[in-house]
């Protein structure tokens, strides 16, 4: 398996090394356990794509009416404190 060298600050290295030793993992195994945010398209890209799609394939009148009715009937969720 190929590898890559990275530079990190000494305090970060010490924390990672301590966690690695405590869990009996390699650095790669330890780093794989860190949850990373999912890559997603920015809102502008999503809206541009949606706009483009609707220009190519507009909603039918029936679909639009169903969507409008669903929005009117959709009640706000109840919030409990």
Foldseek 3Di string as FASTA:
>chain_A
DDDDDDDDDPVVVVVLVVVCVVVVHDSVVSVVVDDDDDDDDPPVVVVVVVVVVCVVPPDDPVVVVVVVVCVVPDDDDDDDD
